[in-house]
């Protein structure tokens, strides 16, 4: 390549690089804003889920406390005795075959 062509290409390449940087910035900047907005929305969703989980955790802790009171209550042993009586097999009373066929 002759030197005249090389010297003519230098300003063209310089201007091209500047224009490329301007256009890339014009495209890249909105993309960054979109990504930042997505991160904000994700953070809000995560915060909402964390609040829901905290509320569920509190509700479950209350239920466990109630169950602990039921188990440690004296009435539970009475209910347990009643349930154990239900598991005792009841005697079978023989009946007539004619009554079973009806």
C-alpha atoms as a PDB file:
ATOM      1  CA  UNK A   1       0.000   0.000   0.000  1.00  0.00           C
ATOM      2  CA  UNK A   2       1.283   3.420  -0.817  1.00  0.00           C
ATOM      3  CA  UNK A   3       1.824   5.798   2.070  1.00  0.00           C
ATOM      4  CA  UNK A   4      -0.724   8.262   0.701  1.00  0.00           C
ATOM      5  CA  UNK A   5      -3.498   5.701   1.173  1.00  0.00           C
ATOM      6  CA  UNK A   6      -2.347   4.917   4.712  1.00  0.00           C
ATOM      7  CA  UNK A   7      -2.295   8.621   5.632  1.00  0.00           C
ATOM      8  CA  UNK A   8      -5.779   9.033   4.138  1.00  0.00           C
ATOM      9  CA  UNK A   9      -7.096   6.048   6.167  1.00  0.00           C
ATOM     10  CA  UNK A  10      -5.947   7.440   9.540  1.00  0.00           C
ATOM     11  CA  UNK A  11      -8.613  10.191   9.795  1.00  0.00           C
ATOM     12  CA  UNK A  12     -11.275   7.858   8.393  1.00  0.00           C
ATOM     13  CA  UNK A  13     -10.451   5.198  10.997  1.00  0.00           C
ATOM     14  CA  UNK A  14     -10.352   7.801  13.765  1.00  0.00           C
ATOM     15  CA  UNK A  15     -13.765   9.164  12.829  1.00  0.00           C
ATOM     16  CA  UNK A  16     -15.126   5.612  12.439  1.00  0.00           C
ATOM     17  CA  UNK A  17     -13.905   4.642  15.909  1.00  0.00           C
ATOM     18  CA  UNK A  18     -15.520   7.738  17.397  1.00  0.00           C
ATOM     19  CA  UNK A  19     -18.826   7.071  15.642  1.00  0.00           C
ATOM     20  CA  UNK A  20     -18.703   3.423  16.687  1.00  0.00           C
ATOM     21  CA  UNK A  21     -18.166   4.455  20.318  1.00  0.00           C
ATOM     22  CA  UNK A  22     -21.086   6.882  20.152  1.00  0.00           C
ATOM     23  CA  UNK A  23     -23.449   4.308  18.618  1.00  0.00           C
ATOM     24  CA  UNK A  24     -22.297   1.576  20.989  1.00  0.00           C
ATOM     25  CA  UNK A  25     -22.918   3.916  23.925  1.00  0.00           C
ATOM     26  CA  UNK A  26     -26.357   4.751  22.570  1.00  0.00           C
ATOM     27  CA  UNK A  27     -27.203   1.053  22.454  1.00  0.00           C
ATOM     28  CA  UNK A  28     -25.364  -0.051  25.612  1.00  0.00           C
ATOM     29  CA  UNK A  29     -26.699   2.632  27.977  1.00  0.00           C
ATOM     30  CA  UNK A  30     -30.415   1.689  27.588  1.00  0.00           C
ATOM     31  CA  UNK A  31     -29.492  -1.975  27.940  1.00  0.00           C
ATOM     32  CA  UNK A  32     -27.800  -1.171  31.258  1.00  0.00           C
ATOM     33  CA  UNK A  33     -30.921   0.687  32.418  1.00  0.00           C
ATOM     34  CA  UNK A  34     -33.101  -2.303  31.525  1.00  0.00           C
ATOM     35  CA  UNK A  35     -30.808  -4.655  33.429  1.00  0.00           C
ATOM     36  CA  UNK A  36     -30.786  -2.345  36.457  1.00  0.00           C
ATOM     37  CA  UNK A  37     -34.594  -2.230  36.423  1.00  0.00           C
ATOM     38  CA  UNK A  38     -34.740  -6.031  36.219  1.00  0.00           C
ATOM     39  CA  UNK A  39     -32.466  -6.282  39.243  1.00  0.00           C
ATOM     40  CA  UNK A  40     -34.714  -3.855  41.171  1.00  0.00           C
ATOM     41  CA  UNK A  41     -37.816  -5.891  40.322  1.00  0.00           C
ATOM     42  CA  UNK A  42     -36.097  -9.127  41.305  1.00  0.00           C
ATOM     43  CA  UNK A  43     -35.067  -7.570  44.621  1.00  0.00           C
ATOM     44  CA  UNK A  44     -38.669  -6.486  45.279  1.00  0.00           C
ATOM     45  CA  UNK A  45     -39.974  -9.970  44.482  1.00  0.00           C
ATOM     46  CA  UNK A  46     -37.398 -11.541  46.766  1.00  0.00           C
ATOM     47  CA  UNK A  47     -38.304  -9.128  49.573  1.00  0.00           C
ATOM     48  CA  UNK A  48     -42.004  -9.966  49.175  1.00  0.00           C
ATOM     49  CA  UNK A  49     -41.293 -13.690  49.273  1.00  0.00           C
ATOM     50  CA  UNK A  50     -39.111 -13.243  52.350  1.00  0.00           C
ATOM     51  CA  UNK A  51     -41.961 -11.392  54.079  1.00  0.00           C
ATOM     52  CA  UNK A  52     -44.397 -14.169  53.148  1.00  0.00           C
ATOM     53  CA  UNK A  53     -42.001 -16.821  54.457  1.00  0.00           C
ATOM     54  CA  UNK A  54     -41.555 -14.871  57.690  1.00  0.00           C
ATOM     55  CA  UNK A  55     -45.334 -14.668  58.127  1.00  0.00           C
ATOM     56  CA  UNK A  56     -45.693 -18.387  57.405  1.00  0.00           C
ATOM     57  CA  UNK A  57     -42.905 -19.140  59.848  1.00  0.00           C
ATOM     58  CA  UNK A  58     -44.657 -17.162  62.564  1.00  0.00           C
ATOM     59  CA  UNK A  59     -47.952 -18.897  61.861  1.00  0.00           C
ATOM     60  CA  UNK A  60     -46.277 -22.315  61.976  1.00  0.00           C
ATOM     61  CA  UNK A  61     -44.522 -21.455  65.234  1.00  0.00           C
ATOM     62  CA  UNK A  62     -47.900 -20.570  66.743  1.00  0.00           C
ATOM     63  CA  UNK A  63     -49.371 -23.874  65.565  1.00  0.00           C
ATOM     64  CA  UNK A  64     -46.447 -25.813  67.020  1.00  0.00           C
ATOM     65  CA  UNK A  65     -46.906 -24.005  70.340  1.00  0.00           C
ATOM     66  CA  UNK A  66     -50.589 -24.993  70.364  1.00  0.00           C
ATOM     67  CA  UNK A  67     -49.708 -28.599  69.593  1.00  0.00           C
ATOM     68  CA  UNK A  68     -47.116 -28.600  72.378  1.00  0.00           C
ATOM     69  CA  UNK A  69     -49.750 -27.341  74.807  1.00  0.00           C
ATOM     70  CA  UNK A  70     -52.157 -30.057  73.673  1.00  0.00           C
ATOM     71  CA  UNK A  71     -49.544 -32.791  74.072  1.00  0.00           C
ATOM     72  CA  UNK A  72     -48.411 -31.595  77.497  1.00  0.00           C
ATOM     73  CA  UNK A  73     -51.984 -31.052  78.693  1.00  0.00           C
ATOM     74  CA  UNK A  74     -53.465 -33.685  81.014  1.00  0.00           C
ATOM     75  CA  UNK A  75     -56.495 -34.022  78.744  1.00  0.00           C
ATOM     76  CA  UNK A  76     -54.259 -35.523  76.083  1.00  0.00           C
ATOM     77  CA  UNK A  77     -53.531 -38.578  78.216  1.00  0.00           C
ATOM     78  CA  UNK A  78     -57.284 -39.084  78.631  1.00  0.00           C
ATOM     79  CA  UNK A  79     -57.783 -38.884  74.875  1.00  0.00           C
ATOM     80  CA  UNK A  80     -54.918 -41.334  74.420  1.00  0.00           C
ATOM     81  CA  UNK A  81     -56.564 -43.798  76.800  1.00  0.00           C
ATOM     82  CA  UNK A  82     -59.853 -43.478  74.911  1.00  0.00           C
ATOM     83  CA  UNK A  83     -58.092 -44.137  71.611  1.00  0.00           C
ATOM     84  CA  UNK A  84     -56.354 -47.199  73.079  1.00  0.00           C
ATOM     85  CA  UNK A  85     -59.762 -48.521  74.145  1.00  0.00           C
ATOM     86  CA  UNK A  86     -61.007 -48.103  70.585  1.00  0.00           C
ATOM     87  CA  UNK A  87     -58.235 -50.345  69.309  1.00  0.00           C
ATOM     88  CA  UNK A  88     -59.374 -53.231  71.536  1.00  0.00           C
ATOM     89  CA  UNK A  89     -61.295 -55.680  69.341  1.00  0.00           C
ATOM     90  CA  UNK A  90     -65.006 -55.909  70.098  1.00  0.00           C
ATOM     91  CA  UNK A  91     -66.538 -59.356  70.556  1.00  0.00           C
ATOM     92  CA  UNK A  92     -68.440 -60.677  67.569  1.00  0.00           C
ATOM     93  CA  UNK A  93     -72.029 -61.580  68.402  1.00  0.00           C
ATOM     94  CA  UNK A  94     -73.198 -64.540  66.350  1.00  0.00           C
ATOM     95  CA  UNK A  95     -76.329 -63.966  64.319  1.00  0.00           C
ATOM     96  CA  UNK A  96     -78.528 -66.243  62.268  1.00  0.00           C
ATOM     97  CA  UNK A  97     -77.692 -66.825  58.637  1.00  0.00           C
ATOM     98  CA  UNK A  98     -81.186 -65.804  57.570  1.00  0.00           C
ATOM     99  CA  UNK A  99     -80.760 -62.365  59.082  1.00  0.00           C
ATOM    100  CA  UNK A 100     -77.414 -61.915  57.291  1.00  0.00           C
ATOM    101  CA  UNK A 101     -78.939 -62.842  53.927  1.00  0.00           C
ATOM    102  CA  UNK A 102     -81.620 -60.142  54.188  1.00  0.00           C
END
